[in-house]
N, C-alpha and C. Protein backbone atom coordinates (compact mmCIF):
# COMPACT_ATOMS: atom_id res chain seq x y z
N UNK A 1 -3.69 7.17 -8.11
CA UNK A 1 -2.50 6.83 -7.56
C UNK A 1 -2.48 6.38 -6.39
N UNK A 2 -1.12 5.91 -5.89
CA UNK A 2 -0.56 4.70 -5.13
C UNK A 2 0.52 5.49 -4.24
N UNK A 3 -0.09 5.99 -3.08
CA UNK A 3 1.90 6.06 -2.60
C UNK A 3 2.43 5.74 -1.14
N UNK A 4 3.33 4.48 -1.81
CA UNK A 4 3.53 3.51 -0.84
C UNK A 4 5.14 4.35 -0.28
N UNK A 5 5.73 3.75 1.02
CA UNK A 5 6.21 4.03 1.57
C UNK A 5 6.93 2.80 2.04
N UNK A 6 7.96 1.97 1.51
CA UNK A 6 8.15 0.46 1.77
C UNK A 6 10.22 0.62 1.82
N UNK A 7 10.40 0.30 3.15
CA UNK A 7 11.85 -0.40 3.61
C UNK A 7 12.79 1.04 2.83
N UNK A 8 12.33 2.31 3.60
CA UNK A 8 12.94 3.37 3.96
C UNK A 8 12.47 3.92 2.00
N UNK A 9 12.02 3.92 1.52
CA UNK A 9 11.60 4.52 0.17
C UNK A 9 10.40 4.77 -0.35
N UNK A 10 10.08 6.03 -1.11
CA UNK A 10 8.77 6.08 -1.84
C UNK A 10 8.05 5.56 -3.11
N UNK A 11 7.40 4.70 -3.21
CA UNK A 11 7.31 5.35 -4.36
C UNK A 11 5.96 5.56 -5.37
N UNK A 12 5.38 5.97 -6.23
CA UNK A 12 3.78 6.62 -6.69
C UNK A 12 4.14 5.78 -7.75
N UNK A 13 3.06 4.30 -7.68
CA UNK A 13 2.58 4.35 -9.21
C UNK A 13 0.64 4.23 -9.51
N UNK A 14 1.13 3.65 -10.55
CA UNK A 14 -1.05 3.91 -10.09
C UNK A 14 -1.81 1.91 -9.94
N UNK A 15 -3.16 2.55 -9.89
CA UNK A 15 -3.32 1.60 -9.47
C UNK A 15 -3.48 0.55 -10.30
N UNK A 16 -3.32 0.53 -11.68
CA UNK A 16 -3.97 -0.26 -12.57
C UNK A 16 -2.33 -1.09 -12.39
N UNK A 17 -1.07 -0.33 -11.82
CA UNK A 17 0.48 -1.23 -12.39
C UNK A 17 0.26 -2.28 -11.74
N UNK A 18 -0.16 -2.13 -10.14
CA UNK A 18 -0.85 -3.33 -9.31
C UNK A 18 -1.71 -4.09 -9.20
N UNK A 19 -2.69 -3.66 -10.16
CA UNK A 19 -3.98 -4.28 -10.34
C UNK A 19 -5.04 -3.67 -8.83
N UNK A 20 -4.89 -2.73 -8.82
CA UNK A 20 -5.86 -2.37 -8.09
C UNK A 20 -6.77 -1.66 -7.78
N UNK A 21 -8.21 -1.52 -7.82
CA UNK A 21 -9.12 -1.59 -7.83
C UNK A 21 -10.12 -0.69 -6.92
N UNK A 22 -11.16 0.45 -6.90
CA UNK A 22 -12.06 0.86 -6.68
C UNK A 22 -12.48 -0.49 -5.39
N UNK A 23 -12.50 0.18 -3.92
CA UNK A 23 -13.53 -0.93 -3.15
C UNK A 23 -12.74 -2.28 -2.42
N UNK A 24 -11.77 -2.21 -2.59
CA UNK A 24 -10.87 -3.19 -2.66
C UNK A 24 -10.33 -2.90 -1.26
N UNK A 25 -10.36 -3.98 -0.34
CA UNK A 25 -10.26 -4.41 0.74
C UNK A 25 -8.69 -3.96 1.31
N UNK A 26 -8.44 -3.33 2.21
CA UNK A 26 -7.07 -3.08 2.58
C UNK A 26 -6.41 -4.41 2.32
N UNK A 27 -6.52 -5.92 2.79
CA UNK A 27 -6.35 -6.92 3.29
C UNK A 27 -6.06 -7.30 1.64
N UNK A 28 -6.31 -6.79 0.51
CA UNK A 28 -6.46 -7.25 -0.55
C UNK A 28 -5.85 -6.97 -1.39
N UNK A 29 -5.60 -4.98 -1.29
CA UNK A 29 -4.74 -3.96 -1.24
C UNK A 29 -3.31 -4.84 -1.16
N UNK A 30 -2.86 -4.85 0.14
CA UNK A 30 -1.32 -4.86 0.44
C UNK A 30 -0.97 -6.44 -0.06
N UNK A 31 -1.73 -7.57 -0.23
CA UNK A 31 -1.45 -8.44 -0.91
C UNK A 31 -1.03 -8.57 -2.67
N UNK A 32 -1.58 -7.51 -3.04
CA UNK A 32 -1.10 -6.78 -4.48
C UNK A 32 0.37 -6.47 -4.63
N UNK A 33 0.24 -5.34 -2.85
CA UNK A 33 1.46 -4.62 -3.03
C UNK A 33 2.48 -5.69 -2.68
N UNK A 34 2.74 -6.99 -1.78
CA UNK A 34 3.39 -7.80 -2.08
C UNK A 34 3.56 -8.48 -2.61
N UNK A 35 2.41 -9.07 -4.18
CA UNK A 35 3.13 -8.97 -5.17
C UNK A 35 3.86 -8.65 -5.90
N UNK A 36 3.44 -7.11 -6.07
CA UNK A 36 4.29 -6.65 -7.13
C UNK A 36 5.65 -6.16 -6.37
N UNK A 37 6.54 -5.91 -4.85
CA UNK A 37 7.81 -5.87 -4.32
C UNK A 37 8.29 -7.14 -4.30
N UNK A 38 7.61 -8.54 -4.95
CA UNK A 38 7.90 -9.80 -4.46
C UNK A 38 8.60 -10.09 -3.00
N UNK A 39 7.60 -9.68 -2.52
CA UNK A 39 7.98 -10.30 -0.68
C UNK A 39 6.82 -10.66 -0.28
N UNK A 40 6.79 -11.24 0.50
CA UNK A 40 5.75 -12.63 1.52
C UNK A 40 5.00 -11.58 2.00
N UNK A 41 3.58 -11.59 2.08
CA UNK A 41 1.88 -10.75 2.42
C UNK A 41 2.84 -10.00 3.92
N UNK A 42 2.76 -11.26 4.15
CA UNK A 42 3.31 -10.35 6.43
C UNK A 42 4.23 -9.06 6.16
N UNK A 43 4.69 -8.83 4.96
CA UNK A 43 5.81 -7.98 4.70
C UNK A 43 5.20 -6.41 5.26
N UNK A 44 3.79 -6.88 4.82
CA UNK A 44 2.69 -5.62 5.09
C UNK A 44 1.96 -5.41 5.94
N UNK A 45 1.52 -6.49 6.82
CA UNK A 45 0.41 -6.78 7.30
C UNK A 45 0.67 -5.99 8.58
N UNK A 46 1.92 -4.92 8.56
CA UNK A 46 1.68 -3.91 10.06
C UNK A 46 0.86 -2.91 8.95
N UNK A 47 1.40 -2.65 7.96
CA UNK A 47 1.11 -1.22 6.90
C UNK A 47 -0.21 -0.77 7.29
N UNK A 48 -0.47 0.52 7.31
CA UNK A 48 -1.52 2.15 7.10
C UNK A 48 -2.17 1.77 5.78
N UNK A 49 -3.14 2.13 5.27
CA UNK A 49 -4.14 2.47 4.15
C UNK A 49 -4.51 3.70 4.40
N UNK A 50 -4.54 4.40 4.27
CA UNK A 50 -4.87 5.95 4.25
C UNK A 50 -5.50 6.07 2.56
N UNK A 51 -7.27 6.19 2.72
CA UNK A 51 -7.34 6.48 1.45
C UNK A 51 -8.24 8.10 1.65
N UNK A 52 -7.47 9.08 1.04
CA UNK A 52 -7.59 10.19 0.57
C UNK A 52 -8.78 10.32 -0.41
N UNK A 53 -9.70 11.98 -0.32
CA UNK A 53 -10.46 11.91 -0.67
C UNK A 53 -10.65 11.96 -2.06
N UNK A 54 -9.48 12.69 -2.90
CA UNK A 54 -8.87 12.49 -3.66
C UNK A 54 -9.39 11.24 -4.38
N UNK A 55 -9.08 10.06 -3.70
CA UNK A 55 -8.74 8.52 -4.77
C UNK A 55 -7.52 8.17 -4.58
N UNK A 56 -6.49 9.38 -4.09
CA UNK A 56 -5.17 8.44 -3.68
C UNK A 56 -5.42 7.63 -2.68
N UNK A 57 -4.35 6.36 -2.23
CA UNK A 57 -4.26 6.07 -1.42
C UNK A 57 -2.94 5.73 -0.49
N UNK A 58 -3.01 5.99 -0.02
CA UNK A 58 -1.53 6.49 0.96
C UNK A 58 -1.07 4.77 1.69
N UNK A 59 -0.17 4.61 0.97
CA UNK A 59 1.05 3.30 2.30
C UNK A 59 1.45 3.46 3.56
N UNK A 60 1.64 3.18 4.05
CA UNK A 60 3.11 3.53 4.76
C UNK A 60 2.83 2.25 6.20
N UNK A 61 4.07 2.55 6.98
CA UNK A 61 4.17 1.36 8.44
C UNK A 61 3.24 2.20 9.10
N UNK A 62 3.11 1.51 9.71
CA UNK A 62 3.04 2.45 11.45
C UNK A 62 3.56 2.94 12.09
N UNK A 63 3.13 3.94 12.40
CA UNK A 63 3.80 4.87 13.50
C UNK A 63 3.94 4.31 14.46
N UNK A 64 4.62 4.55 15.08
CA UNK A 64 4.77 4.06 16.34
C UNK A 64 5.70 5.07 17.00
N UNK A 65 5.51 5.42 18.12
CA UNK A 65 5.71 6.54 18.63
C UNK A 65 5.75 6.36 20.52
N UNK A 66 7.21 7.27 20.92
CA UNK A 66 7.57 7.01 22.63
C UNK A 66 8.75 5.33 22.88
């Protein structure tokens, strides 16, 4: 499962819905997500991908404090 926080909304999608496979690089995952949301790849440039022990991915904007 891929959990995505994008433009203030949360989405849960299966890896095969967006073409993500095990072992893909962060860059490749971000490109697939940009295609899925029909936006430029640069929109996900500063996003963080957390890989959970369960195999799930959490894709979120980078946290900025202060």
